[in-house]
């Protein structure tokens, strides 16, 4: 995941950015080549910054909904559940509402 900063208020995008980058292509190539040399020296393993580790942890936490499971809420609101298939479950809430969940 690549994070970016928010665009500062009042910043005007440069309509000539592509031309400027083309003019710097040799420098950009040398910068990439230096990065490749470092990668080779590190046995083709990327180093992971603390910021990247934090981003990875946030993504895993967001994707891992089981960590957010609250059994007390289930007991409070759920009467029972009916499993129709591997992909369809109906949650029967104590208030009388039935919620079909398709996974």
Protein backbone atom coordinates (compact mmCIF):
# COMPACT_ATOMS: atom_id res chain seq x y z
CA UNK A 1 0.00 0.00 0.00
CA UNK A 2 1.31 3.41 -0.89
CA UNK A 3 0.30 6.29 1.32
CA UNK A 4 0.27 9.86 0.12
CA UNK A 5 -0.08 13.18 1.83
CA UNK A 6 -3.24 15.20 1.33
CA UNK A 7 -2.95 17.92 -1.26
CA UNK A 8 -2.22 21.18 0.58
CA UNK A 9 -4.83 23.88 0.21
CA UNK A 10 -3.87 26.37 -2.45
CA UNK A 11 -1.38 24.08 -4.21
CA UNK A 12 -1.60 24.35 -7.96
CA UNK A 13 -0.76 21.26 -10.00
CA UNK A 14 2.11 21.73 -12.41
CA UNK A 15 0.79 21.24 -15.97
CA UNK A 16 4.40 20.79 -17.18
CA UNK A 17 5.38 18.07 -14.70
CA UNK A 18 5.71 15.38 -17.38
CA UNK A 19 8.06 17.54 -19.43
CA UNK A 20 10.14 18.31 -16.35
CA UNK A 21 10.39 14.62 -15.48
CA UNK A 22 11.41 13.78 -19.04
CA UNK A 23 14.16 16.40 -18.77
CA UNK A 24 15.35 14.64 -15.58
CA UNK A 25 15.11 11.11 -16.99
CA UNK A 26 18.85 10.45 -16.73
CA UNK A 27 18.86 11.41 -13.06
CA UNK A 28 15.74 9.33 -12.41
CA UNK A 29 17.37 6.35 -14.17
CA UNK A 30 20.55 6.72 -12.04
CA UNK A 31 18.39 6.91 -8.91
CA UNK A 32 16.62 3.68 -9.94
CA UNK A 33 19.96 2.02 -10.74
CA UNK A 34 21.29 2.94 -7.29
CA UNK A 35 18.19 1.40 -5.75
CA UNK A 36 18.75 -1.78 -7.76
CA UNK A 37 22.36 -1.96 -6.54
CA UNK A 38 21.14 -1.68 -2.95
CA UNK A 39 18.54 -4.38 -3.59
CA UNK A 40 21.18 -6.73 -5.02
CA UNK A 41 23.49 -6.02 -2.08
CA UNK A 42 20.60 -6.88 0.26
CA UNK A 43 20.11 -10.26 -1.47
CA UNK A 44 16.99 -8.99 -3.30
CA UNK A 45 15.16 -8.30 -0.05
CA UNK A 46 13.40 -5.01 0.42
CA UNK A 47 13.79 -3.25 3.72
CA UNK A 48 10.49 -2.35 5.34
CA UNK A 49 10.28 1.00 7.08
CA UNK A 50 8.40 1.50 10.34
CA UNK A 51 5.80 3.51 8.45
CA UNK A 52 5.29 0.61 6.03
CA UNK A 53 5.02 -1.84 8.93
CA UNK A 54 2.37 0.39 10.51
CA UNK A 55 0.47 0.52 7.19
CA UNK A 56 0.60 -3.28 6.88
CA UNK A 57 -0.65 -3.69 10.46
CA UNK A 58 -3.54 -1.31 9.75
CA UNK A 59 -4.51 -3.20 6.59
CA UNK A 60 -4.40 -6.56 8.37
CA UNK A 61 -6.47 -5.20 11.24
CA UNK A 62 -9.07 -3.76 8.84
CA UNK A 63 -9.25 -7.05 6.92
CA UNK A 64 -9.38 -9.26 10.01
CA UNK A 65 -12.96 -8.73 11.18
CA UNK A 66 -12.76 -11.62 13.64
CA UNK A 67 -10.76 -9.34 15.94
CA UNK A 68 -13.78 -7.04 16.05
CA UNK A 69 -16.21 -9.82 17.01
CA UNK A 70 -18.13 -9.02 20.19
CA UNK A 71 -19.88 -12.08 21.58
CA UNK A 72 -21.79 -9.99 24.13
CA UNK A 73 -23.50 -8.07 21.34
CA UNK A 74 -24.45 -11.31 19.63
CA UNK A 75 -26.02 -12.60 22.84
CA UNK A 76 -27.86 -9.33 23.34
CA UNK A 77 -29.42 -9.06 19.87
CA UNK A 78 -29.38 -12.47 18.14
CA UNK A 79 -32.13 -14.99 18.78
CA UNK A 80 -30.78 -17.62 16.38
CA UNK A 81 -29.28 -18.08 12.92
CA UNK A 82 -30.34 -20.31 10.05
CA UNK A 83 -27.65 -21.61 7.71
CA UNK A 84 -29.13 -22.13 4.26
CA UNK A 85 -25.91 -22.93 2.36
CA UNK A 86 -22.19 -22.29 2.45
CA UNK A 87 -22.87 -18.73 1.34
CA UNK A 88 -26.28 -17.84 2.81
CA UNK A 89 -27.11 -17.33 6.49
CA UNK A 90 -30.17 -15.65 8.01
CA UNK A 91 -29.70 -13.94 11.35
CA UNK A 92 -32.96 -13.84 13.33
CA UNK A 93 -32.76 -10.94 15.76
CA UNK A 94 -34.68 -10.78 19.02
CA UNK A 95 -36.54 -7.69 17.79
CA UNK A 96 -38.12 -9.80 15.01
CA UNK A 97 -35.91 -8.60 12.16
CA UNK A 98 -34.39 -11.28 9.89
CA UNK A 99 -31.18 -10.40 8.07
CA UNK A 100 -30.01 -12.51 5.14
CA UNK A 101 -26.23 -12.46 4.78
CA UNK A 102 -24.69 -13.59 1.49
CA UNK A 103 -20.98 -14.22 1.69
